[in-house]
Amino acid sequence: MSLSIETQARAGCRPSPSFLETAACLLCPLAALCRADRTRSSLGQLDERELKDIGLSRSDIDFVARATAGSAGRAPATFD
């Protein structure tokens, strides 16, 4: 006999994750790395003037790539 999710929660037990939850936990970091790589590559192709036009310098590219990689589905990061 298995316990209901409510009973497990009251007892402090966590139900085992479903296949989709497990897959999402594994794929989300990979997707973030891909977003960071795409951002880094796109910004790396810009020349100094184009970077300056958007308020960045070459040294900002890695920071922006890492910041935007983790922000999918959230409000845009601010860079003060």
PDB file of N, CA and C in Angstrom:
ATOM      1  N   MET A   1       0.843  -1.174   0.000  1.00  0.00           N
ATOM      2  CA  MET A   1       0.000   0.000   0.000  1.00  0.00           C
ATOM      3  C   MET A   1       0.889   1.237   0.000  1.00  0.00           C
ATOM      4  N   SER A   2       0.666   2.146  -0.928  1.00  0.00           N
ATOM      5  CA  SER A   2       1.471   3.359  -0.973  1.00  0.00           C
ATOM      6  C   SER A   2       0.726   4.505  -0.308  1.00  0.00           C
ATOM      7  N   LEU A   3       1.492   5.425   0.228  1.00  0.00           N
ATOM      8  CA  LEU A   3       0.914   6.591   0.893  1.00  0.00           C
ATOM      9  C   LEU A   3       0.549   7.643  -0.139  1.00  0.00           C
ATOM     10  N   SER A   4      -0.508   8.392   0.113  1.00  0.00           N
ATOM     11  CA  SER A   4      -0.872   9.475  -0.790  1.00  0.00           C
ATOM     12  C   SER A   4       0.172  10.586  -0.684  1.00  0.00           C
ATOM     13  N   ILE A   5       0.196  11.456  -1.658  1.00  0.00           N
ATOM     14  CA  ILE A   5       1.154  12.561  -1.656  1.00  0.00           C
ATOM     15  C   ILE A   5       0.928  13.458  -0.452  1.00  0.00           C
ATOM     16  N   GLU A   6      -0.342  13.674  -0.089  1.00  0.00           N
ATOM     17  CA  GLU A   6      -0.635  14.515   1.073  1.00  0.00           C
ATOM     18  C   GLU A   6      -0.090  13.888   2.350  1.00  0.00           C
ATOM     19  N   THR A   7      -0.248  12.571   2.491  1.00  0.00           N
ATOM     20  CA  THR A   7       0.262  11.872   3.674  1.00  0.00           C
ATOM     21  C   THR A   7       1.782  11.937   3.710  1.00  0.00           C
ATOM     22  N   GLN A   8       2.422  11.768   2.562  1.00  0.00           N
ATOM     23  CA  GLN A   8       3.874  11.842   2.494  1.00  0.00           C
ATOM     24  C   GLN A   8       4.357  13.233   2.869  1.00  0.00           C
ATOM     25  N   ALA A   9       3.645  14.262   2.394  1.00  0.00           N
ATOM     26  CA  ALA A   9       4.033  15.641   2.689  1.00  0.00           C
ATOM     27  C   ALA A   9       3.920  15.936   4.177  1.00  0.00           C
ATOM     28  N   ARG A  10       2.829  15.463   4.797  1.00  0.00           N
ATOM     29  CA  ARG A  10       2.657  15.679   6.241  1.00  0.00           C
ATOM     30  C   ARG A  10       3.745  14.970   7.029  1.00  0.00           C
ATOM     31  N   ALA A  11       4.198  13.831   6.535  1.00  0.00           N
ATOM     32  CA  ALA A  11       5.223  13.057   7.233  1.00  0.00           C
ATOM     33  C   ALA A  11       6.622  13.586   6.935  1.00  0.00           C
ATOM     34  N   GLY A  12       6.713  14.578   6.076  1.00  0.00           N
ATOM     35  CA  GLY A  12       8.021  15.142   5.726  1.00  0.00           C
ATOM     36  C   GLY A  12       8.735  14.369   4.636  1.00  0.00           C
ATOM     37  N   CYS A  13       8.028  13.470   3.982  1.00  0.00           N
ATOM     38  CA  CYS A  13       8.618  12.690   2.898  1.00  0.00           C
ATOM     39  C   CYS A  13       8.383  13.408   1.578  1.00  0.00           C
ATOM     40  N   ARG A  14       9.324  13.289   0.698  1.00  0.00           N
ATOM     41  CA  ARG A  14       9.157  13.873  -0.626  1.00  0.00           C
ATOM     42  C   ARG A  14       8.912  12.746  -1.612  1.00  0.00           C
ATOM     43  N   PRO A  15       7.826  12.814  -2.388  1.00  0.00           N
ATOM     44  CA  PRO A  15       7.589  11.757  -3.364  1.00  0.00           C
ATOM     45  C   PRO A  15       8.700  11.749  -4.409  1.00  0.00           C
ATOM     46  N   SER A  16       8.981  10.587  -4.943  1.00  0.00           N
ATOM     47  CA  SER A  16      10.048  10.508  -5.940  1.00  0.00           C
ATOM     48  C   SER A  16       9.634  11.293  -7.178  1.00  0.00           C
ATOM     49  N   PRO A  17      10.581  11.982  -7.804  1.00  0.00           N
ATOM     50  CA  PRO A  17      10.241  12.812  -8.967  1.00  0.00           C
ATOM     51  C   PRO A  17       9.860  11.952 -10.167  1.00  0.00           C
ATOM     52  N   SER A  18       9.008  12.496 -10.994  1.00  0.00           N
ATOM     53  CA  SER A  18       8.612  11.793 -12.205  1.00  0.00           C
ATOM     54  C   SER A  18       9.755  11.857 -13.214  1.00  0.00           C
ATOM     55  N   PHE A  19       9.615  11.082 -14.259  1.00  0.00           N
ATOM     56  CA  PHE A  19      10.619  11.071 -15.313  1.00  0.00           C
ATOM     57  C   PHE A  19      10.800  12.466 -15.908  1.00  0.00           C
ATOM     58  N   LEU A  20       9.686  13.168 -16.154  1.00  0.00           N
ATOM     59  CA  LEU A  20       9.763  14.501 -16.755  1.00  0.00           C
ATOM     60  C   LEU A  20      10.436  15.502 -15.828  1.00  0.00           C
ATOM     61  N   GLU A  21      10.165  15.416 -14.531  1.00  0.00           N
ATOM     62  CA  GLU A  21      10.823  16.315 -13.573  1.00  0.00           C
ATOM     63  C   GLU A  21      12.323  16.064 -13.550  1.00  0.00           C
ATOM     64  N   THR A  22      12.702  14.791 -13.580  1.00  0.00           N
ATOM     65  CA  THR A  22      14.116  14.433 -13.587  1.00  0.00           C
ATOM     66  C   THR A  22      14.779  14.922 -14.869  1.00  0.00           C
ATOM     67  N   ALA A  23      14.119  14.709 -15.996  1.00  0.00           N
ATOM     68  CA  ALA A  23      14.681  15.153 -17.278  1.00  0.00           C
ATOM     69  C   ALA A  23      14.829  16.667 -17.307  1.00  0.00           C
ATOM     70  N   ALA A  24      13.838  17.389 -16.789  1.00  0.00           N
ATOM     71  CA  ALA A  24      13.906  18.851 -16.761  1.00  0.00           C
ATOM     72  C   ALA A  24      15.079  19.318 -15.906  1.00  0.00           C
ATOM     73  N   CYS A  25      15.307  18.653 -14.779  1.00  0.00           N
ATOM     74  CA  CYS A  25      16.428  19.031 -13.910  1.00  0.00           C
ATOM     75  C   CYS A  25      17.767  18.822 -14.608  1.00  0.00           C
ATOM     76  N   LEU A  26      17.834  17.825 -15.469  1.00  0.00           N
ATOM     77  CA  LEU A  26      19.081  17.546 -16.186  1.00  0.00           C
ATOM     78  C   LEU A  26      19.260  18.452 -17.397  1.00  0.00           C
ATOM     79  N   LEU A  27      18.165  18.788 -18.076  1.00  0.00           N
ATOM     80  CA  LEU A  27      18.260  19.549 -19.319  1.00  0.00           C
ATOM     81  C   LEU A  27      18.337  21.056 -19.119  1.00  0.00           C
ATOM     82  N   CYS A  28      17.771  21.579 -18.036  1.00  0.00           N
ATOM     83  CA  CYS A  28      17.780  23.026 -17.825  1.00  0.00           C
ATOM     84  C   CYS A  28      19.193  23.602 -17.762  1.00  0.00           C
ATOM     85  N   PRO A  29      20.105  23.005 -17.011  1.00  0.00           N
ATOM     86  CA  PRO A  29      21.473  23.547 -17.010  1.00  0.00           C
ATOM     87  C   PRO A  29      22.137  23.467 -18.380  1.00  0.00           C
ATOM     88  N   LEU A  30      21.846  22.410 -19.132  1.00  0.00           N
ATOM     89  CA  LEU A  30      22.406  22.284 -20.474  1.00  0.00           C
ATOM     90  C   LEU A  30      21.874  23.377 -21.385  1.00  0.00           C
ATOM     91  N   ALA A  31      20.581  23.656 -21.291  1.00  0.00           N
ATOM     92  CA  ALA A  31      19.979  24.725 -22.102  1.00  0.00           C
ATOM     93  C   ALA A  31      20.583  26.078 -21.728  1.00  0.00           C
ATOM     94  N   ALA A  32      20.841  26.294 -20.438  1.00  0.00           N
ATOM     95  CA  ALA A  32      21.451  27.551 -20.000  1.00  0.00           C
ATOM     96  C   ALA A  32      22.852  27.699 -20.574  1.00  0.00           C
ATOM     97  N   LEU A  33      23.607  26.607 -20.615  1.00  0.00           N
ATOM     98  CA  LEU A  33      24.950  26.669 -21.201  1.00  0.00           C
ATOM     99  C   LEU A  33      24.880  26.998 -22.690  1.00  0.00           C
ATOM    100  N   CYS A  34      23.898  26.434 -23.366  1.00  0.00           N
ATOM    101  CA  CYS A  34      23.730  26.720 -24.802  1.00  0.00           C
ATOM    102  C   CYS A  34      23.353  28.180 -25.025  1.00  0.00           C
ATOM    103  N   ARG A  35      22.454  28.721 -24.177  1.00  0.00           N
ATOM    104  CA  ARG A  35      22.086  30.139 -24.298  1.00  0.00           C
ATOM    105  C   ARG A  35      23.299  31.028 -24.061  1.00  0.00           C
ATOM    106  N   ALA A  36      24.106  30.696 -23.059  1.00  0.00           N
ATOM    107  CA  ALA A  36      25.293  31.498 -22.758  1.00  0.00           C
ATOM    108  C   ALA A  36      26.266  31.460 -23.930  1.00  0.00           C
ATOM    109  N   ASP A  37      26.448  30.288 -24.517  1.00  0.00           N
ATOM    110  CA  ASP A  37      27.369  30.157 -25.641  1.00  0.00           C
ATOM    111  C   ASP A  37      26.885  30.946 -26.849  1.00  0.00           C
ATOM    112  N   ARG A  38      25.569  30.890 -27.127  1.00  0.00           N
ATOM    113  CA  ARG A  38      25.010  31.663 -28.254  1.00  0.00           C
ATOM    114  C   ARG A  38      25.173  33.157 -28.030  1.00  0.00           C
ATOM    115  N   THR A  39      24.895  33.607 -26.791  1.00  0.00           N
ATOM    116  CA  THR A  39      25.023  35.026 -26.473  1.00  0.00           C
ATOM    117  C   THR A  39      26.472  35.474 -26.608  1.00  0.00           C
ATOM    118  N   ARG A  40      27.383  34.682 -26.054  1.00  0.00           N
ATOM    119  CA  ARG A  40      28.812  35.001 -26.110  1.00  0.00           C
ATOM    120  C   ARG A  40      29.286  35.076 -27.569  1.00  0.00           C
ATOM    121  N   SER A  41      28.832  34.129 -28.379  1.00  0.00           N
ATOM    122  CA  SER A  41      29.216  34.096 -29.788  1.00  0.00           C
ATOM    123  C   SER A  41      28.662  35.305 -30.543  1.00  0.00           C
ATOM    124  N   SER A  42      27.390  35.617 -30.305  1.00  0.00           N
ATOM    125  CA  SER A  42      26.763  36.757 -31.000  1.00  0.00           C
ATOM    126  C   SER A  42      27.434  38.071 -30.626  1.00  0.00           C
ATOM    127  N   LEU A  43      27.653  38.279 -29.343  1.00  0.00           N
ATOM    128  CA  LEU A  43      28.292  39.526 -28.908  1.00  0.00           C
ATOM    129  C   LEU A  43      29.749  39.583 -29.349  1.00  0.00           C
ATOM    130  N   GLY A  44      30.394  38.433 -29.407  1.00  0.00           N
ATOM    131  CA  GLY A  44      31.802  38.380 -29.830  1.00  0.00           C
ATOM    132  C   GLY A  44      31.999  38.779 -31.279  1.00  0.00           C
ATOM    133  N   GLN A  45      30.959  38.671 -32.078  1.00  0.00           N
ATOM    134  CA  GLN A  45      31.055  39.042 -33.495  1.00  0.00           C
ATOM    135  C   GLN A  45      30.922  40.545 -33.722  1.00  0.00           C
ATOM    136  N   LEU A  46      30.469  41.265 -32.705  1.00  0.00           N
ATOM    137  CA  LEU A  46      30.313  42.717 -32.851  1.00  0.00           C
ATOM    138  C   LEU A  46      31.660  43.416 -32.718  1.00  0.00           C
ATOM    139  N   ASP A  47      31.829  44.524 -33.450  1.00  0.00           N
ATOM    140  CA  ASP A  47      33.059  45.298 -33.288  1.00  0.00           C
ATOM    141  C   ASP A  47      32.911  46.258 -32.102  1.00  0.00           C
ATOM    142  N   GLU A  48      33.989  46.944 -31.768  1.00  0.00           N
ATOM    143  CA  GLU A  48      34.003  47.811 -30.583  1.00  0.00           C
ATOM    144  C   GLU A  48      32.929  48.908 -30.650  1.00  0.00           C
ATOM    145  N   ARG A  49      32.720  49.470 -31.828  1.00  0.00           N
ATOM    146  CA  ARG A  49      31.714  50.526 -31.973  1.00  0.00           C
ATOM    147  C   ARG A  49      30.316  49.989 -31.730  1.00  0.00           C
ATOM    148  N   GLU A  50      30.022  48.822 -32.281  1.00  0.00           N
ATOM    149  CA  GLU A  50      28.694  48.229 -32.089  1.00  0.00           C
ATOM    150  C   GLU A  50      28.456  47.874 -30.618  1.00  0.00           C
ATOM    151  N   LEU A  51      29.480  47.360 -29.961  1.00  0.00           N
ATOM    152  CA  LEU A  51      29.353  47.071 -28.529  1.00  0.00           C
ATOM    153  C   LEU A  51      29.098  48.356 -27.742  1.00  0.00           C
ATOM    154  N   LYS A  52      29.828  49.414 -28.103  1.00  0.00           N
ATOM    155  CA  LYS A  52      29.645  50.690 -27.410  1.00  0.00           C
ATOM    156  C   LYS A  52      28.235  51.228 -27.633  1.00  0.00           C
ATOM    157  N   ASP A  53      27.685  51.024 -28.836  1.00  0.00           N
ATOM    158  CA  ASP A  53      26.326  51.470 -29.142  1.00  0.00           C
ATOM    159  C   ASP A  53      25.285  50.837 -28.221  1.00  0.00           C
ATOM    160  N   ILE A  54      25.531  49.604 -27.792  1.00  0.00           N
ATOM    161  CA  ILE A  54      24.580  48.936 -26.903  1.00  0.00           C
ATOM    162  C   ILE A  54      25.025  49.000 -25.441  1.00  0.00           C
ATOM    163  N   GLY A  55      26.030  49.816 -25.186  1.00  0.00           N
ATOM    164  CA  GLY A  55      26.448  50.073 -23.810  1.00  0.00           C
ATOM    165  C   GLY A  55      27.338  49.010 -23.196  1.00  0.00           C
ATOM    166  N   LEU A  56      28.052  48.262 -24.038  1.00  0.00           N
ATOM    167  CA  LEU A  56      28.930  47.210 -23.537  1.00  0.00           C
ATOM    168  C   LEU A  56      30.353  47.417 -24.016  1.00  0.00           C
ATOM    169  N   SER A  57      31.263  46.771 -23.327  1.00  0.00           N
ATOM    170  CA  SER A  57      32.640  46.690 -23.802  1.00  0.00           C
ATOM    171  C   SER A  57      32.964  45.203 -23.960  1.00  0.00           C
ATOM    172  N   ARG A  58      34.066  44.911 -24.596  1.00  0.00           N
ATOM    173  CA  ARG A  58      34.444  43.522 -24.823  1.00  0.00           C
ATOM    174  C   ARG A  58      34.552  42.746 -23.507  1.00  0.00           C
ATOM    175  N   SER A  59      34.985  43.419 -22.451  1.00  0.00           N
ATOM    176  CA  SER A  59      35.144  42.748 -21.162  1.00  0.00           C
ATOM    177  C   SER A  59      33.800  42.411 -20.499  1.00  0.00           C
ATOM    178  N   ASP A  60      32.704  42.987 -20.983  1.00  0.00           N
ATOM    179  CA  ASP A  60      31.377  42.709 -20.425  1.00  0.00           C
ATOM    180  C   ASP A  60      30.726  41.459 -21.013  1.00  0.00           C
ATOM    181  N   ILE A  61      31.244  40.957 -22.112  1.00  0.00           N
ATOM    182  CA  ILE A  61      30.572  39.886 -22.849  1.00  0.00           C
ATOM    183  C   ILE A  61      30.354  38.645 -21.992  1.00  0.00           C
ATOM    184  N   ASP A  62      31.366  38.189 -21.281  1.00  0.00           N
ATOM    185  CA  ASP A  62      31.211  36.969 -20.488  1.00  0.00           C
ATOM    186  C   ASP A  62      30.179  37.160 -19.382  1.00  0.00           C
ATOM    187  N   PHE A  63      30.207  38.315 -18.721  1.00  0.00           N
ATOM    188  CA  PHE A  63      29.241  38.599 -17.663  1.00  0.00           C
ATOM    189  C   PHE A  63      27.821  38.600 -18.214  1.00  0.00           C
ATOM    190  N   VAL A  64      27.615  39.260 -19.339  1.00  0.00           N
ATOM    191  CA  VAL A  64      26.276  39.341 -19.940  1.00  0.00           C
ATOM    192  C   VAL A  64      25.814  37.953 -20.374  1.00  0.00           C
ATOM    193  N   ALA A  65      26.700  37.160 -20.950  1.00  0.00           N
ATOM    194  CA  ALA A  65      26.339  35.814 -21.391  1.00  0.00           C
ATOM    195  C   ALA A  65      25.903  34.958 -20.207  1.00  0.00           C
ATOM    196  N   ARG A  66      26.642  35.011 -19.111  1.00  0.00           N
ATOM    197  CA  ARG A  66      26.274  34.228 -17.924  1.00  0.00           C
ATOM    198  C   ARG A  66      24.971  34.730 -17.307  1.00  0.00           C
ATOM    199  N   ALA A  67      24.778  36.036 -17.277  1.00  0.00           N
ATOM    200  CA  ALA A  67      23.573  36.612 -16.676  1.00  0.00           C
ATOM    201  C   ALA A  67      22.325  36.288 -17.489  1.00  0.00           C
ATOM    202  N   THR A  68      22.426  36.346 -18.801  1.00  0.00           N
ATOM    203  CA  THR A  68      21.258  36.083 -19.632  1.00  0.00           C
ATOM    204  C   THR A  68      20.975  34.593 -19.737  1.00  0.00           C
ATOM    205  N   ALA A  69      21.961  33.744 -19.552  1.00  0.00           N
ATOM    206  CA  ALA A  69      21.748  32.296 -19.641  1.00  0.00           C
ATOM    207  C   ALA A  69      20.810  31.812 -18.557  1.00  0.00           C
ATOM    208  N   GLY A  70      20.901  32.403 -17.386  1.00  0.00           N
ATOM    209  CA  GLY A  70      20.069  31.964 -16.279  1.00  0.00           C
ATOM    210  C   GLY A  70      18.756  32.692 -16.175  1.00  0.00           C
ATOM    211  N   SER A  71      18.454  33.577 -17.103  1.00  0.00           N
ATOM    212  CA  SER A  71      17.253  34.399 -16.955  1.00  0.00           C
ATOM    213  C   SER A  71      16.120  34.026 -17.905  1.00  0.00           C
ATOM    214  N   ALA A  72      16.153  32.858 -18.483  1.00  0.00           N
ATOM    215  CA  ALA A  72      15.078  32.470 -19.403  1.00  0.00           C
ATOM    216  C   ALA A  72      13.755  32.419 -18.656  1.00  0.00           C
ATOM    217  N   GLY A  73      12.774  33.092 -19.181  1.00  0.00           N
ATOM    218  CA  GLY A  73      11.451  33.105 -18.571  1.00  0.00           C
ATOM    219  C   GLY A  73      11.316  34.068 -17.420  1.00  0.00           C
ATOM    220  N   ARG A  74      12.354  34.846 -17.151  1.00  0.00           N
ATOM    221  CA  ARG A  74      12.293  35.821 -16.068  1.00  0.00           C
ATOM    222  C   ARG A  74      12.463  37.209 -16.650  1.00  0.00           C
ATOM    223  N   ALA A  75      12.315  38.198 -15.811  1.00  0.00           N
ATOM    224  CA  ALA A  75      12.482  39.575 -16.254  1.00  0.00           C
ATOM    225  C   ALA A  75      13.941  39.777 -16.691  1.00  0.00           C
ATOM    226  N   PRO A  76      14.188  40.651 -17.639  1.00  0.00           N
ATOM    227  CA  PRO A  76      15.545  40.898 -18.104  1.00  0.00           C
ATOM    228  C   PRO A  76      16.445  41.373 -16.969  1.00  0.00           C
ATOM    229  N   ALA A  77      17.687  40.925 -17.038  1.00  0.00           N
ATOM    230  CA  ALA A  77      18.669  41.335 -16.031  1.00  0.00           C
ATOM    231  C   ALA A  77      19.005  42.807 -16.228  1.00  0.00           C
ATOM    232  N   THR A  78      19.288  43.488 -15.142  1.00  0.00           N
ATOM    233  CA  THR A  78      19.714  44.887 -15.243  1.00  0.00           C
ATOM    234  C   THR A  78      21.195  44.944 -14.924  1.00  0.00           C
ATOM    235  N   PHE A  79      21.891  45.792 -15.626  1.00  0.00           N
ATOM    236  CA  PHE A  79      23.332  45.943 -15.463  1.00  0.00           C
ATOM    237  C   PHE A  79      23.629  47.365 -15.063  1.00  0.00           C
ATOM    238  N   ASP A  80      23.679  47.624 -13.773  1.00  0.00           N
ATOM    239  CA  ASP A  80      23.932  48.987 -13.283  1.00  0.00           C
ATOM    240  C   ASP A  80      25.401  49.238 -13.095  1.00  0.00           C
TER     241      ASP A  80
END
